[in-house]
Amino acid sequence: MPTLRRHVATPLSKRGALCLRREKPEHAAGYACRMTWLLRWFLLAAALLAVAHLSPGVQVASFGSALIAAAVLGLFNTLVRPLLVLLTLPVTLLTLGLFLFVINAALFWAAAAVLDGFVVQGFGAALLGSLIYSLLGLLIDLLLRKGD
């Protein structure tokens, strides 16, 4: 008697991106999710190179530097951003959420301060760069979800 396969949604990250797959052996499903994660990382690094091309105050030395910077930005957004959002909640509420742009720019600027090969010249460049990077990241997430 043939068995039916069900679709299972496996969380890929805390941001809610899903890795949809058919029920397969664990190693096959894990491989697909890891490949999606790696593809997203490479695309975010390419997005960082695009930000360097589009924003005059942002410079990235190489694709390797962009890979490291994308990883550091991801870590900052995962570990530091929630704490900053919580600490600045009153200001964020008073500005109707616009202060979140300042937090994103500060994290973008902080990542550049920590790394060699990734330079942001001033807060204005960090604000513009973080806006472009966020929009490209949103586009990448939408395209990767559509592919599932």
Protein backbone atom coordinates (compact mmCIF):
# COMPACT_ATOMS: atom_id res chain seq x y z
CA MET A 1 0.00 0.00 0.00
CA PRO A 2 1.56 3.35 -1.00
CA THR A 3 2.14 5.92 1.71
CA LEU A 4 1.32 9.59 1.33
CA ARG A 5 3.98 12.21 1.85
CA ARG A 6 3.07 15.30 3.82
CA HIS A 7 4.64 18.74 3.54
CA VAL A 8 6.41 19.88 6.68
CA ALA A 9 7.53 23.41 7.47
CA THR A 10 10.86 23.60 9.26
CA PRO A 11 11.97 26.94 10.72
CA LEU A 12 15.16 28.19 9.07
CA SER A 13 15.78 31.21 11.27
CA LYS A 14 14.17 33.31 13.97
CA ARG A 15 13.01 35.80 11.34
CA GLY A 16 10.40 33.29 10.25
CA ALA A 17 11.86 32.14 6.93
CA LEU A 18 10.69 28.61 6.31
CA CYS A 19 12.36 25.74 4.59
CA LEU A 20 9.46 23.80 3.09
CA ARG A 21 10.25 20.22 2.22
CA ARG A 22 8.65 16.85 1.80
CA GLU A 23 9.23 14.38 4.57
CA LYS A 24 12.56 12.80 3.75
CA PRO A 25 15.32 11.29 5.78
CA GLU A 26 16.74 13.83 8.25
CA HIS A 27 20.03 14.26 6.40
CA ALA A 28 18.28 15.27 3.15
CA ALA A 29 16.01 17.83 4.83
CA GLY A 30 18.88 19.27 6.86
CA TYR A 31 20.99 19.58 3.74
CA ALA A 32 18.31 21.61 1.93
CA CYS A 33 17.89 23.98 4.87
CA ARG A 34 21.65 24.47 5.21
CA MET A 35 21.94 25.19 1.51
CA THR A 36 19.15 27.78 1.74
CA TRP A 37 20.92 29.37 4.69
CA LEU A 38 24.25 29.48 2.79
CA LEU A 39 22.54 30.91 -0.30
CA ARG A 40 20.96 33.65 1.83
CA TRP A 41 24.35 34.45 3.39
CA PHE A 42 26.04 34.72 -0.03
CA LEU A 43 23.20 36.86 -1.38
CA LEU A 44 23.39 39.18 1.64
CA ALA A 45 27.12 39.54 1.04
CA ALA A 46 26.38 40.44 -2.59
CA ALA A 47 23.78 42.91 -1.31
CA LEU A 48 26.47 44.50 0.84
CA LEU A 49 28.63 44.91 -2.27
CA ALA A 50 25.63 46.54 -3.97
CA VAL A 51 25.28 48.92 -1.01
CA ALA A 52 28.95 49.87 -1.42
CA HIS A 53 28.28 50.58 -5.08
CA LEU A 54 25.10 52.62 -4.46
CA SER A 55 26.07 54.54 -1.32
CA PRO A 56 29.07 56.89 -1.61
CA GLY A 57 30.15 56.57 2.04
CA VAL A 58 30.25 52.76 2.23
CA GLN A 59 33.25 50.76 1.01
CA VAL A 60 33.78 46.99 0.92
CA ALA A 61 37.22 45.72 -0.04
CA SER A 62 36.31 42.30 -1.44
CA PHE A 63 33.66 39.60 -1.52
CA GLY A 64 35.40 37.86 1.38
CA SER A 65 35.13 41.04 3.42
CA ALA A 66 31.46 41.25 2.45
CA LEU A 67 30.89 37.66 3.64
CA ILE A 68 32.46 38.41 7.01
CA ALA A 69 30.59 41.72 7.29
CA ALA A 70 27.26 40.04 6.48
CA ALA A 71 27.92 37.45 9.20
CA VAL A 72 28.83 40.15 11.74
CA LEU A 73 25.77 42.20 10.82
CA GLY A 74 23.64 39.09 11.31
CA LEU A 75 25.18 38.47 14.73
CA PHE A 76 24.70 42.11 15.77
CA ASN A 77 21.08 42.03 14.61
CA THR A 78 20.47 38.80 16.50
CA LEU A 79 22.29 39.57 19.75
CA VAL A 80 22.57 43.34 20.19
CA ARG A 81 19.54 44.77 18.37
CA PRO A 82 16.87 43.29 20.69
CA LEU A 83 18.65 44.78 23.71
CA LEU A 84 18.93 48.19 22.04
CA VAL A 85 15.28 48.11 21.00
CA LEU A 86 14.26 47.31 24.57
CA LEU A 87 16.47 50.02 26.10
CA THR A 88 15.27 52.69 23.67
CA LEU A 89 11.61 51.71 23.71
CA PRO A 90 10.37 55.05 25.13
CA VAL A 91 12.20 57.03 22.43
CA THR A 92 10.99 54.60 19.77
CA LEU A 93 7.40 55.07 20.91
CA LEU A 94 7.73 58.87 20.97
CA THR A 95 9.11 58.88 17.41
CA LEU A 96 6.46 56.40 16.23
CA GLY A 97 9.09 53.80 15.41
CA LEU A 98 11.42 56.04 13.42
CA PHE A 99 14.18 55.59 16.00
CA LEU A 100 14.54 51.99 14.77
CA PHE A 101 16.26 53.44 11.68
CA VAL A 102 18.83 55.03 14.00
CA ILE A 103 19.40 51.68 15.73
CA ASN A 104 19.90 49.94 12.37
CA ALA A 105 22.34 52.63 11.27
CA ALA A 106 24.25 52.41 14.55
CA LEU A 107 24.63 48.64 14.19
CA PHE A 108 25.71 49.03 10.55
CA TRP A 109 28.29 51.61 11.65
CA ALA A 110 29.43 49.43 14.58
CA ALA A 111 30.00 46.46 12.28
CA ALA A 112 32.18 48.63 10.07
CA ALA A 113 34.14 49.83 13.11
CA VAL A 114 34.89 46.26 14.17
CA LEU A 115 35.94 44.94 10.75
CA ASP A 116 38.78 45.60 8.33
CA GLY A 117 37.72 45.81 4.70
CA PHE A 118 34.31 47.31 5.52
CA VAL A 119 34.30 51.09 5.94
CA VAL A 120 31.39 53.44 6.64
CA GLN A 121 32.26 57.14 6.58
CA GLY A 122 29.86 58.88 8.95
CA PHE A 123 26.42 58.39 10.35
CA GLY A 124 24.62 59.62 7.22
CA ALA A 125 26.35 56.97 5.14
CA ALA A 126 25.47 54.38 7.78
CA LEU A 127 21.81 55.42 7.68
CA LEU A 128 21.60 55.29 3.89
CA GLY A 129 23.62 52.05 3.74
CA SER A 130 21.48 50.34 6.38
CA LEU A 131 18.28 51.36 4.57
CA ILE A 132 19.51 49.97 1.25
CA TYR A 133 20.85 46.81 2.93
CA SER A 134 17.53 46.25 4.73
CA LEU A 135 15.55 46.66 1.52
CA LEU A 136 17.82 44.26 -0.35
CA GLY A 137 17.62 41.79 2.55
CA LEU A 138 13.83 41.97 2.43
CA LEU A 139 13.91 41.31 -1.31
CA ILE A 140 16.25 38.34 -0.82
CA ASP A 141 13.98 36.87 1.86
CA LEU A 142 10.93 37.27 -0.37
CA LEU A 143 12.67 35.58 -3.30
CA LEU A 144 13.91 32.70 -1.16
CA ARG A 145 10.44 32.14 0.31
CA LYS A 146 8.92 32.19 -3.17
CA GLY A 147 11.39 29.49 -4.21
CA ASP A 148 10.15 27.17 -1.44
